[in-house]
N, C-alpha and C. Protein backbone atom coordinates (compact mmCIF):
# COMPACT_ATOMS: atom_id res chain seq x y z
N UNK A 1 85.78 70.71 105.89
CA UNK A 1 85.45 69.37 104.97
C UNK A 1 86.85 68.69 104.60
N UNK A 2 87.95 69.85 104.30
CA UNK A 2 89.21 69.30 103.84
C UNK A 2 89.75 68.49 104.89
N UNK A 3 89.85 68.90 106.10
CA UNK A 3 90.44 68.04 107.18
C UNK A 3 89.74 66.69 107.24
N UNK A 4 88.54 66.47 107.11
CA UNK A 4 87.85 65.19 107.30
C UNK A 4 88.52 64.46 105.84
N UNK A 5 88.71 64.93 104.68
CA UNK A 5 88.84 64.24 103.79
C UNK A 5 90.33 63.66 103.48
N UNK A 6 91.04 64.60 104.38
CA UNK A 6 92.61 64.01 104.31
C UNK A 6 92.60 62.92 105.25
N UNK A 7 91.95 62.83 106.41
CA UNK A 7 91.74 61.98 107.51
C UNK A 7 91.25 60.74 107.10
N UNK A 8 90.13 60.72 106.23
CA UNK A 8 89.76 59.65 105.47
C UNK A 8 90.79 58.68 104.53
N UNK A 9 91.46 59.79 103.90
CA UNK A 9 92.39 59.38 102.80
C UNK A 9 93.63 58.74 103.63
N UNK A 10 93.84 59.11 104.76
CA UNK A 10 95.19 58.65 105.31
C UNK A 10 94.77 57.29 106.17
N UNK A 11 93.57 57.21 106.68
CA UNK A 11 93.00 55.87 107.07
C UNK A 11 92.84 54.83 106.17
N UNK A 12 92.38 55.10 104.96
CA UNK A 12 92.35 54.18 103.90
C UNK A 12 93.73 53.96 103.54
N UNK A 13 94.94 54.68 102.96
CA UNK A 13 96.22 54.47 103.12
C UNK A 13 96.81 53.52 103.96
N UNK A 14 96.67 53.80 105.03
CA UNK A 14 97.16 52.79 106.11
C UNK A 14 96.31 51.54 106.01
N UNK A 15 95.03 51.15 105.99
CA UNK A 15 94.57 49.80 105.67
C UNK A 15 95.46 49.20 104.46
N UNK A 16 95.30 50.02 103.58
CA UNK A 16 95.66 49.28 102.52
C UNK A 16 97.42 48.79 102.61
N UNK A 17 98.06 49.63 103.36
CA UNK A 17 99.44 49.31 103.65
C UNK A 17 99.61 47.93 104.58
N UNK A 18 98.56 48.01 105.36
CA UNK A 18 98.61 46.72 106.31
C UNK A 18 97.83 45.55 105.73
N UNK A 19 97.30 45.71 104.33
CA UNK A 19 96.63 44.59 103.73
C UNK A 19 95.16 44.40 104.12
N UNK A 20 94.49 45.38 104.92
CA UNK A 20 93.37 44.91 105.72
C UNK A 20 92.31 45.06 104.55
N UNK A 21 92.50 45.88 103.46
CA UNK A 21 91.37 45.88 102.26
C UNK A 21 91.78 45.15 101.35
N UNK A 22 92.64 43.96 101.33
CA UNK A 22 92.78 43.25 100.18
C UNK A 22 91.98 42.15 99.83
N UNK A 23 91.15 41.50 100.94
CA UNK A 23 90.40 40.21 100.69
C UNK A 23 88.79 40.83 100.64
N UNK A 24 88.51 41.91 100.59
CA UNK A 24 87.22 42.27 100.45
C UNK A 24 86.41 41.70 99.11
N UNK A 25 85.30 41.12 99.44
CA UNK A 25 84.41 40.71 98.24
C UNK A 25 84.21 41.48 97.01
N UNK A 26 84.58 41.21 96.04
CA UNK A 26 84.45 42.03 94.72
C UNK A 26 85.70 43.01 94.66
N UNK A 27 86.77 42.78 95.09
CA UNK A 27 87.86 43.61 94.91
C UNK A 27 88.37 43.27 93.83
N UNK A 28 88.52 44.47 92.94
CA UNK A 28 89.45 44.51 91.48
C UNK A 28 87.95 44.44 90.57
N UNK A 29 86.97 44.45 90.93
CA UNK A 29 85.69 44.27 89.98
C UNK A 29 85.26 45.77 89.93
N UNK A 30 84.62 45.99 88.61
CA UNK A 30 83.83 47.33 88.41
C UNK A 30 82.56 47.38 89.34
N UNK A 31 82.25 48.32 89.83
CA UNK A 31 80.96 48.30 90.71
C UNK A 31 79.78 48.48 89.54
N UNK A 32 78.72 47.69 90.23
CA UNK A 32 77.67 47.69 89.27
C UNK A 32 76.30 48.76 89.88
N UNK A 33 76.39 49.96 89.42
CA UNK A 33 75.85 51.05 90.08
C UNK A 33 74.41 51.27 89.79
N UNK A 34 74.07 50.62 88.47
CA UNK A 34 72.35 50.82 88.21
C UNK A 34 72.21 52.22 87.56
N UNK A 35 71.13 52.29 87.18
CA UNK A 35 70.64 53.31 86.12
C UNK A 35 69.75 54.09 87.19
N UNK A 36 69.35 53.58 88.56
CA UNK A 36 68.51 54.52 89.31
C UNK A 36 68.95 54.93 90.62
N UNK A 37 70.29 55.40 90.26
CA UNK A 37 71.03 56.20 91.70
C UNK A 37 70.19 57.54 92.01
N UNK A 38 69.78 58.09 91.03
CA UNK A 38 69.10 59.39 91.08
C UNK A 38 67.87 59.38 91.59
N UNK A 39 67.25 58.45 91.38
CA UNK A 39 65.75 58.03 91.59
C UNK A 39 65.75 57.93 93.25
N UNK A 40 64.66 58.58 93.83
CA UNK A 40 64.74 58.33 95.39
C UNK A 40 64.10 56.97 95.37
N UNK A 41 64.46 56.29 96.54
CA UNK A 41 64.39 54.96 96.95
C UNK A 41 62.81 54.53 96.90
N UNK A 42 61.91 55.52 97.27
CA UNK A 42 60.36 54.97 97.25
C UNK A 42 60.01 54.91 95.98
N UNK A 43 60.59 55.38 94.72
CA UNK A 43 59.94 55.43 93.57
C UNK A 43 60.51 54.43 92.44
N UNK A 44 61.87 53.60 92.85
CA UNK A 44 62.75 52.97 92.24
C UNK A 44 61.83 51.78 91.65
N UNK A 45 61.25 51.16 92.36
CA UNK A 45 60.50 50.06 92.04
C UNK A 45 59.54 50.12 90.72
N UNK A 46 58.75 51.32 90.94
CA UNK A 46 57.82 52.01 89.93
C UNK A 46 58.78 52.16 88.68
N UNK A 47 59.62 52.97 88.86
CA UNK A 47 60.45 53.31 87.68
C UNK A 47 61.05 52.12 86.82
N UNK A 48 61.64 51.03 87.62
CA UNK A 48 61.98 49.99 87.06
C UNK A 48 60.92 49.20 86.49
N UNK A 49 59.69 49.11 86.82
CA UNK A 49 58.73 48.56 86.22
C UNK A 49 58.29 49.08 84.89
N UNK A 50 58.26 50.42 84.86
CA UNK A 50 58.03 51.28 83.93
C UNK A 50 59.16 51.01 82.78
N UNK A 51 60.46 51.08 83.08
CA UNK A 51 61.37 50.91 82.21
C UNK A 51 61.25 49.63 81.33
N UNK A 52 60.95 48.45 82.20
CA UNK A 52 60.94 47.13 81.73
C UNK A 52 60.00 46.73 80.62
N UNK A 53 58.83 47.56 81.15
CA UNK A 53 57.52 47.64 80.24
C UNK A 53 57.85 48.51 78.94
N UNK A 54 58.69 49.03 78.48
CA UNK A 54 58.99 49.91 77.44
C UNK A 54 58.51 51.41 77.58
N UNK A 55 58.22 51.72 78.59
CA UNK A 55 57.50 53.09 78.85
C UNK A 55 58.68 54.35 78.67
N UNK A 56 58.26 55.37 77.93
CA UNK A 56 59.25 56.50 77.77
C UNK A 56 58.40 57.57 78.40
N UNK A 57 59.58 58.33 79.19
CA UNK A 57 58.65 59.41 79.70
C UNK A 57 58.14 60.49 78.55
N UNK A 58 57.15 61.36 78.92
CA UNK A 58 56.64 62.17 77.68
C UNK A 58 57.66 63.10 77.16
N UNK A 59 58.32 63.58 78.02
CA UNK A 59 59.64 64.26 77.56
C UNK A 59 60.35 63.62 76.36
N UNK A 60 60.58 62.52 76.38
CA UNK A 60 61.21 61.83 75.62
C UNK A 60 60.70 61.90 74.31
N UNK A 61 59.65 61.59 74.50
CA UNK A 61 58.61 61.32 73.21
C UNK A 61 58.34 62.75 72.35
N UNK A 62 58.43 63.88 73.20
CA UNK A 62 58.23 65.19 72.61
C UNK A 62 59.69 65.58 72.16
N UNK A 63 60.81 65.41 72.46
CA UNK A 63 62.13 65.49 71.93
C UNK A 63 62.23 64.56 70.59
N UNK A 64 61.83 63.31 70.63
CA UNK A 64 61.94 62.72 69.39
C UNK A 64 61.09 63.37 68.23
N UNK A 65 59.95 63.89 68.57
CA UNK A 65 58.97 64.35 67.70
C UNK A 65 59.35 65.57 67.34
N UNK A 66 59.89 66.31 67.96
CA UNK A 66 60.55 67.94 67.52
C UNK A 66 61.85 67.37 66.69
N UNK A 67 62.42 66.24 66.91
CA UNK A 67 63.65 66.12 65.73
C UNK A 67 63.19 65.68 64.68
N UNK A 68 62.07 64.97 64.70
CA UNK A 68 61.61 64.38 63.37
C UNK A 68 61.28 65.38 62.70
N UNK A 69 60.36 66.29 63.15
CA UNK A 69 59.55 67.66 62.71
C UNK A 69 60.60 68.51 62.03
N UNK A 70 61.89 68.67 62.88
CA UNK A 70 62.76 69.60 62.32
C UNK A 70 63.59 68.84 61.09
N UNK A 71 63.94 67.82 61.02
CA UNK A 71 64.24 67.23 59.61
C UNK A 71 63.34 67.45 58.55
N UNK A 72 62.02 67.05 58.76
CA UNK A 72 60.78 67.29 57.88
C UNK A 72 60.63 68.59 57.27
N UNK A 73 60.93 69.58 57.98
CA UNK A 73 60.80 71.00 57.75
C UNK A 73 61.82 71.47 56.76
N UNK A 74 62.77 71.06 56.31
CA UNK A 74 63.53 71.17 55.15
C UNK A 74 63.29 70.59 54.09
N UNK A 75 62.51 69.80 54.09
CA UNK A 75 62.06 69.05 52.67
C UNK A 75 60.57 69.54 52.53
N UNK A 76 60.04 70.21 52.97
CA UNK A 76 58.38 70.88 53.08
C UNK A 76 58.67 71.69 51.83
N UNK A 77 57.53 72.28 51.14
CA UNK A 77 57.34 73.18 50.44
C UNK A 77 56.59 74.37 51.34
N UNK A 78 56.59 75.72 50.51
CA UNK A 78 55.96 76.68 51.30
C UNK A 78 54.91 76.74 51.72
N UNK A 79 53.78 75.81 51.14
CA UNK A 79 52.48 75.72 51.71
C UNK A 79 52.49 74.69 52.79
N UNK A 80 53.28 73.92 52.99
CA UNK A 80 53.35 72.78 53.98
C UNK A 80 53.90 73.14 55.08
N UNK A 81 55.03 74.22 55.16
CA UNK A 81 55.59 75.04 56.06
C UNK A 81 54.95 75.55 57.43
N UNK A 82 53.99 76.42 56.95
CA UNK A 82 53.07 77.03 57.91
C UNK A 82 52.55 75.90 59.01
N UNK A 83 51.87 75.02 58.61
CA UNK A 83 51.27 74.05 59.57
C UNK A 83 52.66 73.19 60.26
N UNK A 84 53.37 72.96 59.80
CA UNK A 84 54.46 72.44 60.41
C UNK A 84 55.30 73.18 61.25
N UNK A 85 55.59 74.55 61.08
CA UNK A 85 56.25 75.44 62.10
C UNK A 85 55.16 75.64 63.25
N UNK A 86 53.65 75.52 63.16
CA UNK A 86 52.78 75.43 64.07
C UNK A 86 53.06 74.50 64.83
N UNK A 87 53.19 73.47 64.60
CA UNK A 87 53.16 71.97 65.09
C UNK A 87 54.40 72.25 66.10
N UNK A 88 55.49 72.37 65.45
CA UNK A 88 56.84 72.69 66.02
C UNK A 88 56.80 73.44 67.41
N UNK A 89 56.30 74.70 67.07
CA UNK A 89 56.01 75.53 68.17
C UNK A 89 55.43 74.89 69.30
N UNK A 90 54.04 74.31 68.96
CA UNK A 90 53.23 73.46 69.90
C UNK A 90 54.19 72.62 70.78
N UNK A 91 54.79 71.92 70.10
CA UNK A 91 55.77 70.78 70.48
C UNK A 91 56.70 71.27 71.55
N UNK A 92 57.25 72.32 71.11
CA UNK A 92 58.47 72.97 71.97
C UNK A 92 57.57 73.70 73.10
N UNK A 93 56.36 74.11 73.18
CA UNK A 93 55.79 74.79 74.24
C UNK A 93 55.37 73.87 75.20
N UNK A 94 54.81 72.59 74.78
CA UNK A 94 54.64 71.47 75.27
C UNK A 94 55.68 71.02 76.22
N UNK A 95 56.86 70.73 75.63
CA UNK A 95 58.12 70.45 76.20
C UNK A 95 58.52 71.31 77.47
N UNK A 96 58.43 72.84 77.20
CA UNK A 96 58.74 73.73 78.04
C UNK A 96 57.96 73.62 79.27
N UNK A 97 56.59 73.46 79.33
CA UNK A 97 55.75 72.95 80.34
C UNK A 97 56.11 71.84 81.14
N UNK A 98 56.41 70.91 80.56
CA UNK A 98 56.52 69.48 80.89
C UNK A 98 57.98 69.50 81.88
N UNK A 99 59.16 70.38 81.33
CA UNK A 99 60.34 70.59 82.20
C UNK A 99 60.06 71.53 83.13
N UNK A 100 59.02 72.77 83.10
CA UNK A 100 58.87 73.72 83.95
C UNK A 100 60.16 74.88 83.51
N UNK A 101 60.66 74.64 82.33
CA UNK A 101 61.61 75.88 82.00
C UNK A 101 61.57 76.07 80.47
N UNK A 102 62.38 76.82 80.16
CA UNK A 102 62.21 77.26 78.67
C UNK A 102 63.22 75.87 77.95
N UNK A 103 62.86 75.42 76.91
CA UNK A 103 63.38 74.64 76.21
C UNK A 103 64.87 75.03 75.48
N UNK A 104 66.10 74.08 75.98
CA UNK A 104 67.34 74.86 75.57
C UNK A 104 67.82 73.46 75.10
N UNK A 105 67.43 73.17 73.57
CA UNK A 105 68.14 71.86 73.11
C UNK A 105 69.41 72.68 72.37
N UNK A 106 70.46 71.19 72.68
CA UNK A 106 71.93 71.76 72.44
C UNK A 106 71.98 72.80 71.18
N UNK A 107 71.95 72.21 69.87
CA UNK A 107 72.00 73.17 68.99
C UNK A 107 70.85 74.16 68.31
N UNK A 108 69.73 74.34 69.39
CA UNK A 108 68.72 74.80 68.89
C UNK A 108 68.92 76.25 68.43
N UNK A 109 69.74 77.16 69.07
CA UNK A 109 69.81 78.69 68.53
C UNK A 109 70.57 78.66 67.24
N UNK A 110 71.60 77.91 66.69
CA UNK A 110 72.17 77.84 65.43
C UNK A 110 71.02 77.45 64.50
N UNK A 111 70.11 76.42 64.98
CA UNK A 111 69.54 75.85 63.84
C UNK A 111 68.36 76.81 63.62
N UNK A 112 67.85 77.52 64.70
CA UNK A 112 66.58 78.60 64.59
C UNK A 112 67.18 79.72 63.84
N UNK A 113 68.34 80.00 63.91
CA UNK A 113 68.70 81.08 63.13
C UNK A 113 69.02 80.79 61.64
N UNK A 114 69.36 79.42 61.40
CA UNK A 114 69.46 79.34 60.17
C UNK A 114 68.12 79.16 59.42
N UNK A 115 67.07 78.53 60.25
CA UNK A 115 65.88 78.37 59.70
C UNK A 115 65.21 79.97 59.21
N UNK A 116 65.37 80.64 60.31
CA UNK A 116 64.64 82.22 60.16
C UNK A 116 65.20 82.74 58.94
N UNK A 117 66.49 82.50 58.84
CA UNK A 117 67.06 83.21 57.67
C UNK A 117 66.59 82.87 56.17
N UNK A 118 66.59 81.20 56.57
CA UNK A 118 66.15 80.67 55.13
C UNK A 118 64.59 81.06 54.85
N UNK A 119 63.81 81.02 55.95
CA UNK A 119 62.57 81.45 55.76
C UNK A 119 62.25 83.16 55.41
N UNK A 120 63.10 83.86 56.04
CA UNK A 120 63.06 85.16 55.63
C UNK A 120 63.53 85.41 54.18
N UNK A 121 64.43 84.44 53.72
CA UNK A 121 64.75 84.83 52.01
C UNK A 121 63.72 84.44 51.19
N UNK A 122 62.84 83.39 51.80
CA UNK A 122 61.60 82.82 51.05
C UNK A 122 60.61 83.84 50.99
N UNK A 123 60.36 84.36 52.20
CA UNK A 123 59.35 85.56 52.20
C UNK A 123 59.81 86.68 51.13
N UNK A 124 61.20 87.09 51.36
CA UNK A 124 61.50 88.26 50.58
C UNK A 124 61.31 87.64 49.23
N UNK A 125 61.66 86.68 48.61
CA UNK A 125 61.24 86.21 47.02
C UNK A 125 59.99 86.26 46.81
N UNK A 126 59.02 85.57 47.67
CA UNK A 126 57.72 85.69 47.40
C UNK A 126 57.24 86.83 47.33
N UNK A 127 57.90 88.08 47.96
CA UNK A 127 57.16 89.52 48.05
C UNK A 127 57.78 89.96 46.58
N UNK A 128 58.87 89.61 46.06
CA UNK A 128 59.23 90.21 45.11
C UNK A 128 58.37 89.74 43.89
N UNK A 129 58.04 88.33 44.06
CA UNK A 129 57.25 87.93 42.81
C UNK A 129 55.66 88.21 43.12
N UNK A 130 55.20 88.97 44.36
CA UNK A 130 53.95 89.51 44.21
C UNK A 130 53.23 88.62 44.95
N UNK A 131 53.59 87.58 45.44
CA UNK A 131 53.06 86.51 46.23
C UNK A 131 53.25 86.68 47.73
N UNK A 132 52.34 87.51 48.21
CA UNK A 132 52.60 87.90 49.63
C UNK A 132 51.44 87.37 50.42
N UNK A 133 51.57 85.87 50.32
CA UNK A 133 50.67 85.02 51.16
C UNK A 133 51.40 84.70 52.62
N UNK A 134 52.56 84.97 52.92
CA UNK A 134 52.97 84.99 54.24
C UNK A 134 53.37 83.56 54.36
N UNK A 135 53.53 82.44 53.71
CA UNK A 135 53.65 81.12 54.13
C UNK A 135 54.77 80.77 54.46
N UNK A 136 55.81 81.73 54.40
CA UNK A 136 57.27 81.32 54.54
C UNK A 136 57.48 81.56 55.95
N UNK A 137 56.67 82.55 56.84
CA UNK A 137 56.92 82.98 57.85
C UNK A 137 57.17 82.24 59.09
N UNK A 138 58.27 81.89 59.88
CA UNK A 138 58.41 81.10 60.94
C UNK A 138 57.96 81.85 62.19
N UNK A 139 57.93 81.29 63.39
CA UNK A 139 57.52 82.18 64.57
C UNK A 139 58.43 83.09 64.89
N UNK A 140 57.96 84.03 65.77
CA UNK A 140 58.87 85.15 66.16
C UNK A 140 59.61 84.53 67.32
N UNK A 141 61.00 85.06 67.17
CA UNK A 141 61.91 84.63 68.32
C UNK A 141 62.12 84.97 69.56
């Protein structure tokens, strides 16, 4: 493949030197590549219609809801955290199923560790006070 690339580069340089490429339409202008380069040609029209109609893929909606729920988790008290954790786990599972792979959000590991440590601390505090309701437990990692 390297020989082919070298030959192509050589031919392009020769054409540039002769001025054969100077009068091409759009010369010096940026290419308009569009958003659908990776979409198969037979699906482009449908994708464009959905995009223009404001449709967002289910994965995008799930990611937004996960981000919102994560932000809310820090503001919830002990009683409200349990159902919120369950909802977050459900959303993460749905996202995993939609993607066909495990969810790997960019800061997920550090965030989960911080939350687990925070909940472990509040569970220990509750156990010391004799309130062993388990409301501060997060999901097992």
